[in-house]
Amino acid sequence: MTWYVYIIKSSDDSLYTGITTNLGRRFQQHLTGKGAKYFFARKPVKIVFSESHTNRSMASVREYEIKQLTRKQKEQLILS
């Protein structure tokens, strides 16, 4: 199974990082209020970054690494 680490840009221009096995389904969950509580106060706009991993453990480690980055570093990652 493939796991994805992703970053979503939200309506207030903030960046949300998460993991999933299905990017399209997860984005729809966020859009309809069935995803993270983070999106109760803001709306997801689009997925601006994703990368695949072969297992959940690797994806979780990478998610943590990305969450530790500064906004500027996340923006550089998105552009790369």
PDB file of N, CA and C in Angstrom:
ATOM      1  N   MET A   1       0.841  -1.182   0.000  1.00  0.00           N
ATOM      2  CA  MET A   1       0.000   0.000   0.000  1.00  0.00           C
ATOM      3  C   MET A   1       0.884   1.242   0.000  1.00  0.00           C
ATOM      4  N   THR A   2       0.497   2.220  -0.773  1.00  0.00           N
ATOM      5  CA  THR A   2       1.232   3.482  -0.856  1.00  0.00           C
ATOM      6  C   THR A   2       0.614   4.489   0.101  1.00  0.00           C
ATOM      7  N   TRP A   3       1.473   5.173   0.843  1.00  0.00           N
ATOM      8  CA  TRP A   3       1.052   6.237   1.751  1.00  0.00           C
ATOM      9  C   TRP A   3       1.559   7.560   1.204  1.00  0.00           C
ATOM     10  N   TYR A   4       0.758   8.588   1.353  1.00  0.00           N
ATOM     11  CA  TYR A   4       1.110   9.922   0.857  1.00  0.00           C
ATOM     12  C   TYR A   4       1.190  10.915   2.005  1.00  0.00           C
ATOM     13  N   VAL A   5       2.220  11.742   1.950  1.00  0.00           N
ATOM     14  CA  VAL A   5       2.323  12.907   2.823  1.00  0.00           C
ATOM     15  C   VAL A   5       1.924  14.083   1.954  1.00  0.00           C
ATOM     16  N   TYR A   6       1.056  14.945   2.467  1.00  0.00           N
ATOM     17  CA  TYR A   6       0.554  16.035   1.639  1.00  0.00           C
ATOM     18  C   TYR A   6       0.477  17.335   2.428  1.00  0.00           C
ATOM     19  N   ILE A   7       0.470  18.425   1.673  1.00  0.00           N
ATOM     20  CA  ILE A   7       0.269  19.754   2.252  1.00  0.00           C
ATOM     21  C   ILE A   7      -0.899  20.390   1.507  1.00  0.00           C
ATOM     22  N   ILE A   8      -1.855  20.915   2.272  1.00  0.00           N
ATOM     23  CA  ILE A   8      -3.002  21.615   1.698  1.00  0.00           C
ATOM     24  C   ILE A   8      -2.908  23.088   2.071  1.00  0.00           C
ATOM     25  N   LYS A   9      -3.106  23.946   1.088  1.00  0.00           N
ATOM     26  CA  LYS A   9      -3.210  25.387   1.355  1.00  0.00           C
ATOM     27  C   LYS A   9      -4.669  25.672   1.686  1.00  0.00           C
ATOM     28  N   SER A  10      -4.906  26.415   2.758  1.00  0.00           N
ATOM     29  CA  SER A  10      -6.280  26.693   3.172  1.00  0.00           C
ATOM     30  C   SER A  10      -6.683  28.132   2.856  1.00  0.00           C
ATOM     31  N   SER A  11      -7.962  28.424   3.077  1.00  0.00           N
ATOM     32  CA  SER A  11      -8.537  29.719   2.709  1.00  0.00           C
ATOM     33  C   SER A  11      -7.889  30.896   3.437  1.00  0.00           C
ATOM     34  N   ASP A  12      -7.299  30.663   4.596  1.00  0.00           N
ATOM     35  CA  ASP A  12      -6.609  31.747   5.307  1.00  0.00           C
ATOM     36  C   ASP A  12      -5.115  31.772   4.983  1.00  0.00           C
ATOM     37  N   ASP A  13      -4.727  31.050   3.929  1.00  0.00           N
ATOM     38  CA  ASP A  13      -3.357  30.981   3.425  1.00  0.00           C
ATOM     39  C   ASP A  13      -2.427  30.166   4.328  1.00  0.00           C
ATOM     40  N   SER A  14      -2.968  29.438   5.299  1.00  0.00           N
ATOM     41  CA  SER A  14      -2.140  28.576   6.138  1.00  0.00           C
ATOM     42  C   SER A  14      -1.913  27.248   5.426  1.00  0.00           C
ATOM     43  N   LEU A  15      -0.949  26.472   5.930  1.00  0.00           N
ATOM     44  CA  LEU A  15      -0.588  25.196   5.330  1.00  0.00           C
ATOM     45  C   LEU A  15      -0.863  24.065   6.321  1.00  0.00           C
ATOM     46  N   TYR A  16      -1.566  23.050   5.864  1.00  0.00           N
ATOM     47  CA  TYR A  16      -1.908  21.887   6.686  1.00  0.00           C
ATOM     48  C   TYR A  16      -1.165  20.677   6.130  1.00  0.00           C
ATOM     49  N   THR A  17      -0.527  19.898   6.996  1.00  0.00           N
ATOM     50  CA  THR A  17       0.209  18.706   6.587  1.00  0.00           C
ATOM     51  C   THR A  17      -0.456  17.464   7.162  1.00  0.00           C
ATOM     52  N   GLY A  18      -0.590  16.431   6.344  1.00  0.00           N
ATOM     53  CA  GLY A  18      -1.191  15.186   6.803  1.00  0.00           C
ATOM     54  C   GLY A  18      -0.696  14.004   6.000  1.00  0.00           C
ATOM     55  N   ILE A  19      -1.214  12.793   6.343  1.00  0.00           N
ATOM     56  CA  ILE A  19      -0.892  11.579   5.588  1.00  0.00           C
ATOM     57  C   ILE A  19      -2.186  10.843   5.266  1.00  0.00           C
ATOM     58  N   THR A  20      -2.145  10.074   4.190  1.00  0.00           N
ATOM     59  CA  THR A  20      -3.313   9.305   3.755  1.00  0.00           C
ATOM     60  C   THR A  20      -2.878   8.235   2.765  1.00  0.00           C
ATOM     61  N   THR A  21      -3.784   7.321   2.457  1.00  0.00           N
ATOM     62  CA  THR A  21      -3.542   6.349   1.392  1.00  0.00           C
ATOM     63  C   THR A  21      -4.286   6.740   0.120  1.00  0.00           C
ATOM     64  N   ASN A  22      -5.156   7.758   0.208  1.00  0.00           N
ATOM     65  CA  ASN A  22      -5.955   8.174  -0.943  1.00  0.00           C
ATOM     66  C   ASN A  22      -6.127   9.696  -0.903  1.00  0.00           C
ATOM     67  N   LEU A  23      -5.355  10.397  -1.707  1.00  0.00           N
ATOM     68  CA  LEU A  23      -5.357  11.864  -1.680  1.00  0.00           C
ATOM     69  C   LEU A  23      -6.710  12.469  -2.039  1.00  0.00           C
ATOM     70  N   GLY A  24      -7.327  11.968  -3.080  1.00  0.00           N
ATOM     71  CA  GLY A  24      -8.610  12.514  -3.521  1.00  0.00           C
ATOM     72  C   GLY A  24      -9.692  12.359  -2.473  1.00  0.00           C
ATOM     73  N   ARG A  25      -9.787  11.166  -1.899  1.00  0.00           N
ATOM     74  CA  ARG A  25     -10.793  10.913  -0.865  1.00  0.00           C
ATOM     75  C   ARG A  25     -10.549  11.785   0.355  1.00  0.00           C
ATOM     76  N   ARG A  26      -9.296  11.888   0.767  1.00  0.00           N
ATOM     77  CA  ARG A  26      -8.980  12.663   1.967  1.00  0.00           C
ATOM     78  C   ARG A  26      -9.280  14.147   1.758  1.00  0.00           C
ATOM     79  N   PHE A  27      -8.963  14.666   0.577  1.00  0.00           N
ATOM     80  CA  PHE A  27      -9.256  16.070   0.298  1.00  0.00           C
ATOM     81  C   PHE A  27     -10.769  16.303   0.353  1.00  0.00           C
ATOM     82  N   GLN A  28     -11.540  15.387  -0.215  1.00  0.00           N
ATOM     83  CA  GLN A  28     -13.004  15.508  -0.161  1.00  0.00           C
ATOM     84  C   GLN A  28     -13.502  15.473   1.284  1.00  0.00           C
ATOM     85  N   GLN A  29     -12.906  14.644   2.117  1.00  0.00           N
ATOM     86  CA  GLN A  29     -13.286  14.611   3.534  1.00  0.00           C
ATOM     87  C   GLN A  29     -13.032  15.962   4.184  1.00  0.00           C
ATOM     88  N   HIS A  30     -11.902  16.556   3.885  1.00  0.00           N
ATOM     89  CA  HIS A  30     -11.608  17.878   4.442  1.00  0.00           C
ATOM     90  C   HIS A  30     -12.618  18.909   3.936  1.00  0.00           C
ATOM     91  N   LEU A  31     -12.978  18.828   2.667  1.00  0.00           N
ATOM     92  CA  LEU A  31     -13.940  19.776   2.085  1.00  0.00           C
ATOM     93  C   LEU A  31     -15.322  19.672   2.728  1.00  0.00           C
ATOM     94  N   THR A  32     -15.724  18.472   3.072  1.00  0.00           N
ATOM     95  CA  THR A  32     -17.077  18.254   3.591  1.00  0.00           C
ATOM     96  C   THR A  32     -17.157  18.267   5.112  1.00  0.00           C
ATOM     97  N   GLY A  33     -16.072  18.623   5.779  1.00  0.00           N
ATOM     98  CA  GLY A  33     -16.095  18.707   7.237  1.00  0.00           C
ATOM     99  C   GLY A  33     -15.929  17.377   7.946  1.00  0.00           C
ATOM    100  N   LYS A  34     -15.579  16.329   7.214  1.00  0.00           N
ATOM    101  CA  LYS A  34     -15.391  15.017   7.822  1.00  0.00           C
ATOM    102  C   LYS A  34     -13.916  14.688   8.022  1.00  0.00           C
ATOM    103  N   GLY A  35     -13.067  15.669   7.785  1.00  0.00           N
ATOM    104  CA  GLY A  35     -11.633  15.478   7.940  1.00  0.00           C
ATOM    105  C   GLY A  35     -11.166  16.057   9.264  1.00  0.00           C
ATOM    106  N   ALA A  36     -10.033  16.698   9.243  1.00  0.00           N
ATOM    107  CA  ALA A  36      -9.416  17.257  10.447  1.00  0.00           C
ATOM    108  C   ALA A  36     -10.198  18.445  10.999  1.00  0.00           C
ATOM    109  N   LYS A  37     -10.174  18.594  12.308  1.00  0.00           N
ATOM    110  CA  LYS A  37     -10.828  19.731  12.966  1.00  0.00           C
ATOM    111  C   LYS A  37     -10.216  21.055  12.510  1.00  0.00           C
ATOM    112  N   TYR A  38      -8.987  20.982  12.042  1.00  0.00           N
ATOM    113  CA  TYR A  38      -8.288  22.155  11.529  1.00  0.00           C
ATOM    114  C   TYR A  38      -9.134  22.904  10.505  1.00  0.00           C
ATOM    115  N   PHE A  39      -9.896  22.161   9.720  1.00  0.00           N
ATOM    116  CA  PHE A  39     -10.683  22.768   8.650  1.00  0.00           C
ATOM    117  C   PHE A  39     -12.091  23.151   9.068  1.00  0.00           C
ATOM    118  N   PHE A  40     -12.394  23.096  10.344  1.00  0.00           N
ATOM    119  CA  PHE A  40     -13.700  23.579  10.807  1.00  0.00           C
ATOM    120  C   PHE A  40     -13.759  25.103  10.732  1.00  0.00           C
ATOM    121  N   ALA A  41     -12.628  25.763  10.957  1.00  0.00           N
ATOM    122  CA  ALA A  41     -12.584  27.229  10.986  1.00  0.00           C
ATOM    123  C   ALA A  41     -12.094  27.831   9.676  1.00  0.00           C
ATOM    124  N   ARG A  42     -11.648  26.997   8.759  1.00  0.00           N
ATOM    125  CA  ARG A  42     -11.118  27.460   7.468  1.00  0.00           C
ATOM    126  C   ARG A  42     -11.433  26.398   6.429  1.00  0.00           C
ATOM    127  N   LYS A  43     -11.325  26.756   5.182  1.00  0.00           N
ATOM    128  CA  LYS A  43     -11.635  25.806   4.106  1.00  0.00           C
ATOM    129  C   LYS A  43     -10.360  25.392   3.368  1.00  0.00           C
ATOM    130  N   PRO A  44     -10.266  24.119   3.009  1.00  0.00           N
ATOM    131  CA  PRO A  44      -9.127  23.701   2.182  1.00  0.00           C
ATOM    132  C   PRO A  44      -9.290  24.234   0.767  1.00  0.00           C
ATOM    133  N   VAL A  45      -8.198  24.724   0.192  1.00  0.00           N
ATOM    134  CA  VAL A  45      -8.261  25.281  -1.154  1.00  0.00           C
ATOM    135  C   VAL A  45      -7.723  24.275  -2.173  1.00  0.00           C
ATOM    136  N   LYS A  46      -6.481  23.810  -1.962  1.00  0.00           N
ATOM    137  CA  LYS A  46      -5.929  22.817  -2.878  1.00  0.00           C
ATOM    138  C   LYS A  46      -4.724  22.124  -2.268  1.00  0.00           C
ATOM    139  N   ILE A  47      -4.439  20.945  -2.795  1.00  0.00           N
ATOM    140  CA  ILE A  47      -3.235  20.209  -2.395  1.00  0.00           C
ATOM    141  C   ILE A  47      -2.072  20.840  -3.157  1.00  0.00           C
ATOM    142  N   VAL A  48      -1.101  21.344  -2.409  1.00  0.00           N
ATOM    143  CA  VAL A  48       0.030  22.030  -3.046  1.00  0.00           C
ATOM    144  C   VAL A  48       1.307  21.197  -3.049  1.00  0.00           C
ATOM    145  N   PHE A  49       1.288  20.070  -2.328  1.00  0.00           N
ATOM    146  CA  PHE A  49       2.471  19.204  -2.266  1.00  0.00           C
ATOM    147  C   PHE A  49       2.041  17.808  -1.868  1.00  0.00           C
ATOM    148  N   SER A  50       2.659  16.809  -2.474  1.00  0.00           N
ATOM    149  CA  SER A  50       2.480  15.429  -2.015  1.00  0.00           C
ATOM    150  C   SER A  50       3.696  14.609  -2.405  1.00  0.00           C
ATOM    151  N   GLU A  51       3.969  13.605  -1.605  1.00  0.00           N
ATOM    152  CA  GLU A  51       5.020  12.645  -1.929  1.00  0.00           C
ATOM    153  C   GLU A  51       4.590  11.286  -1.409  1.00  0.00           C
ATOM    154  N   SER A  52       5.024  10.232  -2.077  1.00  0.00           N
ATOM    155  CA  SER A  52       4.593   8.889  -1.707  1.00  0.00           C
ATOM    156  C   SER A  52       5.663   8.157  -0.910  1.00  0.00           C
ATOM    157  N   HIS A  53       5.174   7.233  -0.076  1.00  0.00           N
ATOM    158  CA  HIS A  53       6.046   6.390   0.744  1.00  0.00           C
ATOM    159  C   HIS A  53       5.489   4.975   0.729  1.00  0.00           C
ATOM    160  N   THR A  54       6.361   4.013   0.965  1.00  0.00           N
ATOM    161  CA  THR A  54       5.953   2.611   0.855  1.00  0.00           C
ATOM    162  C   THR A  54       5.235   2.077   2.081  1.00  0.00           C
ATOM    163  N   ASN A  55       5.345   2.775   3.219  1.00  0.00           N
ATOM    164  CA  ASN A  55       4.630   2.312   4.407  1.00  0.00           C
ATOM    165  C   ASN A  55       4.259   3.479   5.317  1.00  0.00           C
ATOM    166  N   ARG A  56       3.363   3.199   6.234  1.00  0.00           N
ATOM    167  CA  ARG A  56       2.850   4.244   7.120  1.00  0.00           C
ATOM    168  C   ARG A  56       3.942   4.823   8.010  1.00  0.00           C
ATOM    169  N   SER A  57       4.834   3.991   8.457  1.00  0.00           N
ATOM    170  CA  SER A  57       5.907   4.452   9.345  1.00  0.00           C
ATOM    171  C   SER A  57       6.762   5.519   8.667  1.00  0.00           C
ATOM    172  N   MET A  58       7.178   5.252   7.448  1.00  0.00           N
ATOM    173  CA  MET A  58       7.997   6.232   6.718  1.00  0.00           C
ATOM    174  C   MET A  58       7.217   7.517   6.467  1.00  0.00           C
ATOM    175  N   ALA A  59       5.931   7.379   6.137  1.00  0.00           N
ATOM    176  CA  ALA A  59       5.099   8.559   5.880  1.00  0.00           C
ATOM    177  C   ALA A  59       4.930   9.379   7.162  1.00  0.00           C
ATOM    178  N   SER A  60       4.744   8.712   8.279  1.00  0.00           N
ATOM    179  CA  SER A  60       4.572   9.416   9.555  1.00  0.00           C
ATOM    180  C   SER A  60       5.835  10.167   9.955  1.00  0.00           C
ATOM    181  N   VAL A  61       6.979   9.544   9.730  1.00  0.00           N
ATOM    182  CA  VAL A  61       8.252  10.202  10.039  1.00  0.00           C
ATOM    183  C   VAL A  61       8.410  11.449   9.169  1.00  0.00           C
ATOM    184  N   ARG A  62       8.102  11.323   7.890  1.00  0.00           N
ATOM    185  CA  ARG A  62       8.217  12.457   6.976  1.00  0.00           C
ATOM    186  C   ARG A  62       7.215  13.556   7.315  1.00  0.00           C
ATOM    187  N   GLU A  63       5.995  13.166   7.690  1.00  0.00           N
ATOM    188  CA  GLU A  63       4.990  14.151   8.106  1.00  0.00           C
ATOM    189  C   GLU A  63       5.517  14.961   9.284  1.00  0.00           C
ATOM    190  N   TYR A  64       6.091  14.286  10.265  1.00  0.00           N
ATOM    191  CA  TYR A  64       6.653  14.965  11.430  1.00  0.00           C
ATOM    192  C   TYR A  64       7.764  15.925  11.006  1.00  0.00           C
ATOM    193  N   GLU A  65       8.650  15.456  10.110  1.00  0.00           N
ATOM    194  CA  GLU A  65       9.743  16.317   9.635  1.00  0.00           C
ATOM    195  C   GLU A  65       9.190  17.587   8.984  1.00  0.00           C
ATOM    196  N   ILE A  66       8.179  17.435   8.156  1.00  0.00           N
ATOM    197  CA  ILE A  66       7.597  18.595   7.463  1.00  0.00           C
ATOM    198  C   ILE A  66       6.931  19.533   8.457  1.00  0.00           C
ATOM    199  N   LYS A  67       6.257  18.984   9.442  1.00  0.00           N
ATOM    200  CA  LYS A  67       5.582  19.819  10.442  1.00  0.00           C
ATOM    201  C   LYS A  67       6.577  20.627  11.273  1.00  0.00           C
ATOM    202  N   GLN A  68       7.820  20.192  11.339  1.00  0.00           N
ATOM    203  CA  GLN A  68       8.848  20.918  12.087  1.00  0.00           C
ATOM    204  C   GLN A  68       9.465  22.052  11.282  1.00  0.00           C
ATOM    205  N   LEU A  69       9.215  22.088   9.978  1.00  0.00           N
ATOM    206  CA  LEU A  69       9.779  23.133   9.125  1.00  0.00           C
ATOM    207  C   LEU A  69       9.107  24.480   9.378  1.00  0.00           C
ATOM    208  N   THR A  70       9.837  25.535   9.095  1.00  0.00           N
ATOM    209  CA  THR A  70       9.244  26.873   9.142  1.00  0.00           C
ATOM    210  C   THR A  70       8.360  27.041   7.910  1.00  0.00           C
ATOM    211  N   ARG A  71       7.544  28.054   7.912  1.00  0.00           N
ATOM    212  CA  ARG A  71       6.688  28.319   6.745  1.00  0.00           C
ATOM    213  C   ARG A  71       7.535  28.527   5.493  1.00  0.00           C
ATOM    214  N   LYS A  72       8.613  29.280   5.634  1.00  0.00           N
ATOM    215  CA  LYS A  72       9.486  29.543   4.489  1.00  0.00           C
ATOM    216  C   LYS A  72      10.063  28.237   3.944  1.00  0.00           C
ATOM    217  N   GLN A  73      10.474  27.345   4.820  1.00  0.00           N
ATOM    218  CA  GLN A  73      11.017  26.062   4.388  1.00  0.00           C
ATOM    219  C   GLN A  73       9.940  25.212   3.702  1.00  0.00           C
ATOM    220  N   LYS A  74       8.710  25.266   4.215  1.00  0.00           N
ATOM    221  CA  LYS A  74       7.606  24.530   3.581  1.00  0.00           C
ATOM    222  C   LYS A  74       7.337  25.088   2.190  1.00  0.00           C
ATOM    223  N   GLU A  75       7.382  26.403   2.045  1.00  0.00           N
ATOM    224  CA  GLU A  75       7.165  27.018   0.742  1.00  0.00           C
ATOM    225  C   GLU A  75       8.257  26.603  -0.239  1.00  0.00           C
ATOM    226  N   GLN A  76       9.504  26.497   0.230  1.00  0.00           N
ATOM    227  CA  GLN A  76      10.597  26.049  -0.622  1.00  0.00           C
ATOM    228  C   GLN A  76      10.381  24.588  -1.032  1.00  0.00           C
ATOM    229  N   LEU A  77       9.893  23.761  -0.107  1.00  0.00           N
ATOM    230  CA  LEU A  77       9.597  22.367  -0.408  1.00  0.00           C
ATOM    231  C   LEU A  77       8.504  22.276  -1.477  1.00  0.00           C
ATOM    232  N   ILE A  78       7.488  23.083  -1.347  1.00  0.00           N
ATOM    233  CA  ILE A  78       6.378  23.088  -2.302  1.00  0.00           C
ATOM    234  C   ILE A  78       6.876  23.467  -3.696  1.00  0.00           C
ATOM    235  N   LEU A  79       7.793  24.417  -3.764  1.00  0.00           N
ATOM    236  CA  LEU A  79       8.319  24.875  -5.057  1.00  0.00           C
ATOM    237  C   LEU A  79       9.307  23.907  -5.689  1.00  0.00           C
ATOM    238  N   SER A  80       9.887  23.018  -4.901  1.00  0.00           N
ATOM    239  CA  SER A  80      10.906  22.099  -5.438  1.00  0.00           C
ATOM    240  C   SER A  80      10.301  20.932  -6.205  1.00  0.00           C
TER     241      SER A  80
END
